[in-house]
Amino acid sequence: MIARLLSSRFVSAPGMLRWAINGCAFEDDRPTVIRVIRDTWRLKPEVAEGLCLGTIPFTVDEHDNAVIDYDGEISEAV
């Protein structure tokens, strides 16, 4: 499934994911960083963790959104 994590006027989705990947280099900060990404886009925990740890890659589209290709549901039911 192709999914887009949308940017806004205030937050760049690719920039936030790059911040998260860098932040996860510090083990003590990892749970907080993953939670921020999870809560921002209401992602399933395993998807947020994969994005933050770099095991789920993303690309950037022409609108500065993060695009991921993931087998399965990425978000929690609202």
N, C-alpha and C. Protein backbone atom coordinates (compact mmCIF):
# COMPACT_ATOMS: atom_id res chain seq x y z
N MET A 1 0.85 -1.17 0.00
CA MET A 1 0.00 0.00 0.00
C MET A 1 0.90 1.24 0.00
N ILE A 2 0.60 2.17 -0.86
CA ILE A 2 1.31 3.44 -0.90
C ILE A 2 0.56 4.41 0.02
N ALA A 3 1.28 5.07 0.90
CA ALA A 3 0.67 6.03 1.82
C ALA A 3 1.50 7.30 1.85
N ARG A 4 0.84 8.41 2.08
CA ARG A 4 1.52 9.70 2.17
C ARG A 4 1.34 10.26 3.57
N LEU A 5 2.44 10.68 4.15
CA LEU A 5 2.40 11.42 5.41
C LEU A 5 2.49 12.88 5.00
N LEU A 6 1.41 13.60 5.21
CA LEU A 6 1.29 14.95 4.67
C LEU A 6 2.06 15.98 5.47
N SER A 7 2.66 16.89 4.74
CA SER A 7 3.29 18.07 5.34
C SER A 7 2.22 19.14 5.51
N SER A 8 2.54 20.13 6.31
CA SER A 8 1.65 21.27 6.47
C SER A 8 2.47 22.54 6.29
N ARG A 9 1.82 23.67 6.45
CA ARG A 9 2.55 24.94 6.36
C ARG A 9 3.58 25.05 7.47
N PHE A 10 3.37 24.32 8.55
CA PHE A 10 4.22 24.45 9.73
C PHE A 10 5.21 23.30 9.92
N VAL A 11 4.92 22.15 9.33
CA VAL A 11 5.76 20.96 9.54
C VAL A 11 6.02 20.26 8.22
N SER A 12 7.28 19.99 7.95
CA SER A 12 7.67 19.21 6.79
C SER A 12 7.73 17.74 7.22
N ALA A 13 6.89 16.90 6.62
CA ALA A 13 6.89 15.48 6.97
C ALA A 13 8.26 14.83 6.76
N PRO A 14 8.92 15.04 5.60
CA PRO A 14 10.24 14.45 5.43
C PRO A 14 11.25 14.98 6.46
N GLY A 15 11.15 16.27 6.76
CA GLY A 15 12.06 16.85 7.75
C GLY A 15 11.84 16.25 9.13
N MET A 16 10.59 16.04 9.49
CA MET A 16 10.29 15.45 10.79
C MET A 16 10.77 14.00 10.85
N LEU A 17 10.62 13.26 9.75
CA LEU A 17 11.12 11.88 9.74
C LEU A 17 12.64 11.85 9.81
N ARG A 18 13.30 12.77 9.14
CA ARG A 18 14.77 12.84 9.24
C ARG A 18 15.20 13.16 10.66
N TRP A 19 14.48 14.07 11.32
CA TRP A 19 14.74 14.39 12.72
C TRP A 19 14.59 13.13 13.57
N ALA A 20 13.53 12.36 13.31
CA ALA A 20 13.26 11.15 14.09
C ALA A 20 14.36 10.11 13.90
N ILE A 21 14.79 9.93 12.66
CA ILE A 21 15.86 8.96 12.39
C ILE A 21 17.12 9.36 13.15
N ASN A 22 17.46 10.65 13.12
CA ASN A 22 18.63 11.12 13.87
C ASN A 22 18.43 10.97 15.37
N GLY A 23 17.23 11.29 15.84
CA GLY A 23 16.94 11.21 17.27
C GLY A 23 17.00 9.79 17.80
N CYS A 24 16.67 8.82 16.97
CA CYS A 24 16.69 7.42 17.40
C CYS A 24 18.10 6.87 17.57
N ALA A 25 19.09 7.65 17.15
CA ALA A 25 20.48 7.24 17.39
C ALA A 25 20.79 7.25 18.89
N PHE A 26 20.01 8.01 19.64
CA PHE A 26 20.19 8.10 21.09
C PHE A 26 19.16 7.21 21.76
N GLU A 27 19.62 6.07 22.28
CA GLU A 27 18.69 5.07 22.81
C GLU A 27 17.74 5.62 23.86
N ASP A 28 18.21 6.51 24.71
CA ASP A 28 17.33 7.06 25.75
C ASP A 28 16.19 7.87 25.17
N ASP A 29 16.41 8.49 24.02
CA ASP A 29 15.39 9.33 23.39
C ASP A 29 14.44 8.55 22.48
N ARG A 30 14.81 7.33 22.13
CA ARG A 30 14.07 6.55 21.13
C ARG A 30 12.57 6.42 21.42
N PRO A 31 12.16 6.02 22.63
CA PRO A 31 10.72 5.88 22.87
C PRO A 31 9.94 7.18 22.65
N THR A 32 10.51 8.30 23.06
CA THR A 32 9.83 9.58 22.90
C THR A 32 9.73 9.97 21.44
N VAL A 33 10.81 9.80 20.71
CA VAL A 33 10.83 10.14 19.28
C VAL A 33 9.80 9.30 18.52
N ILE A 34 9.78 8.00 18.78
CA ILE A 34 8.82 7.12 18.12
C ILE A 34 7.39 7.52 18.47
N ARG A 35 7.15 7.87 19.72
CA ARG A 35 5.80 8.29 20.14
C ARG A 35 5.38 9.57 19.42
N VAL A 36 6.29 10.52 19.26
CA VAL A 36 5.96 11.77 18.56
C VAL A 36 5.55 11.47 17.12
N ILE A 37 6.29 10.62 16.42
CA ILE A 37 5.95 10.28 15.05
C ILE A 37 4.63 9.51 15.01
N ARG A 38 4.46 8.57 15.92
CA ARG A 38 3.21 7.79 15.97
C ARG A 38 2.01 8.69 16.19
N ASP A 39 2.11 9.59 17.15
CA ASP A 39 0.99 10.46 17.49
C ASP A 39 0.72 11.52 16.42
N THR A 40 1.75 11.98 15.74
CA THR A 40 1.57 13.02 14.72
C THR A 40 0.69 12.53 13.58
N TRP A 41 0.93 11.31 13.12
CA TRP A 41 0.16 10.78 11.98
C TRP A 41 -0.73 9.60 12.36
N ARG A 42 -0.92 9.34 13.66
CA ARG A 42 -1.76 8.23 14.15
C ARG A 42 -1.35 6.90 13.51
N LEU A 43 -0.05 6.65 13.53
CA LEU A 43 0.48 5.43 12.92
C LEU A 43 0.43 4.27 13.90
N LYS A 44 0.40 3.07 13.34
CA LYS A 44 0.55 1.89 14.17
C LYS A 44 1.96 1.91 14.77
N PRO A 45 2.13 1.41 15.98
CA PRO A 45 3.45 1.47 16.63
C PRO A 45 4.57 0.87 15.79
N GLU A 46 4.30 -0.25 15.13
CA GLU A 46 5.37 -0.89 14.35
C GLU A 46 5.75 -0.07 13.12
N VAL A 47 4.82 0.69 12.57
CA VAL A 47 5.11 1.54 11.42
C VAL A 47 5.93 2.75 11.88
N ALA A 48 5.53 3.37 12.97
CA ALA A 48 6.28 4.50 13.51
C ALA A 48 7.71 4.08 13.85
N GLU A 49 7.85 2.94 14.48
CA GLU A 49 9.19 2.46 14.83
C GLU A 49 10.02 2.19 13.58
N GLY A 50 9.42 1.56 12.57
CA GLY A 50 10.15 1.28 11.34
C GLY A 50 10.60 2.54 10.62
N LEU A 51 9.75 3.55 10.60
CA LEU A 51 10.14 4.83 9.98
C LEU A 51 11.27 5.48 10.77
N CYS A 52 11.17 5.47 12.08
CA CYS A 52 12.18 6.12 12.92
C CYS A 52 13.52 5.40 12.89
N LEU A 53 13.47 4.10 12.78
CA LEU A 53 14.72 3.32 12.76
C LEU A 53 15.27 3.16 11.34
N GLY A 54 14.52 3.65 10.35
CA GLY A 54 14.99 3.60 8.98
C GLY A 54 14.77 2.26 8.29
N THR A 55 14.02 1.35 8.91
CA THR A 55 13.76 0.06 8.28
C THR A 55 12.59 0.13 7.30
N ILE A 56 11.77 1.16 7.41
CA ILE A 56 10.73 1.45 6.41
C ILE A 56 11.18 2.73 5.70
N PRO A 57 11.63 2.59 4.45
CA PRO A 57 12.12 3.78 3.74
C PRO A 57 10.97 4.67 3.27
N PHE A 58 11.31 5.91 2.98
CA PHE A 58 10.32 6.84 2.42
C PHE A 58 10.98 7.65 1.33
N THR A 59 10.14 8.17 0.45
CA THR A 59 10.59 9.10 -0.57
C THR A 59 9.81 10.40 -0.36
N VAL A 60 10.18 11.41 -1.12
CA VAL A 60 9.52 12.71 -1.00
C VAL A 60 8.87 13.03 -2.34
N ASP A 61 7.58 13.38 -2.29
CA ASP A 61 6.89 13.74 -3.54
C ASP A 61 7.04 15.24 -3.84
N GLU A 62 6.43 15.65 -4.92
CA GLU A 62 6.57 17.05 -5.38
C GLU A 62 5.90 18.06 -4.45
N HIS A 63 5.10 17.59 -3.50
CA HIS A 63 4.43 18.48 -2.56
C HIS A 63 5.08 18.45 -1.17
N ASP A 64 6.28 17.87 -1.09
CA ASP A 64 7.04 17.76 0.16
C ASP A 64 6.32 16.87 1.18
N ASN A 65 5.63 15.84 0.70
CA ASN A 65 5.05 14.83 1.57
C ASN A 65 5.97 13.61 1.59
N ALA A 66 5.96 12.88 2.67
CA ALA A 66 6.71 11.63 2.76
C ALA A 66 5.83 10.51 2.20
N VAL A 67 6.37 9.73 1.29
CA VAL A 67 5.64 8.64 0.66
C VAL A 67 6.28 7.32 1.08
N ILE A 68 5.44 6.42 1.61
CA ILE A 68 5.95 5.11 2.02
C ILE A 68 5.17 4.02 1.31
N ASP A 69 5.84 2.92 1.08
CA ASP A 69 5.23 1.74 0.48
C ASP A 69 5.32 0.65 1.55
N TYR A 70 4.18 0.25 2.08
CA TYR A 70 4.15 -0.67 3.22
C TYR A 70 3.06 -1.70 3.01
N ASP A 71 3.37 -2.95 3.25
CA ASP A 71 2.36 -4.02 3.16
C ASP A 71 1.57 -4.05 4.44
N GLY A 72 0.34 -3.60 4.38
CA GLY A 72 -0.53 -3.61 5.56
C GLY A 72 -1.03 -2.24 5.88
N GLU A 73 -1.84 -2.17 6.91
CA GLU A 73 -2.40 -0.89 7.38
C GLU A 73 -1.31 -0.12 8.11
N ILE A 74 -1.26 1.18 7.87
CA ILE A 74 -0.25 1.97 8.54
C ILE A 74 -0.79 2.75 9.73
N SER A 75 -2.10 3.01 9.74
CA SER A 75 -2.62 3.87 10.80
C SER A 75 -3.57 3.12 11.71
N GLU A 76 -3.69 3.67 12.91
CA GLU A 76 -4.62 3.14 13.90
C GLU A 76 -6.03 3.56 13.52
N ALA A 77 -7.00 2.78 13.89
CA ALA A 77 -8.39 3.17 13.67
C ALA A 77 -8.71 4.39 14.53
N VAL A 78 -9.44 5.31 13.96
CA VAL A 78 -9.76 6.55 14.68
C VAL A 78 -11.13 6.43 15.28
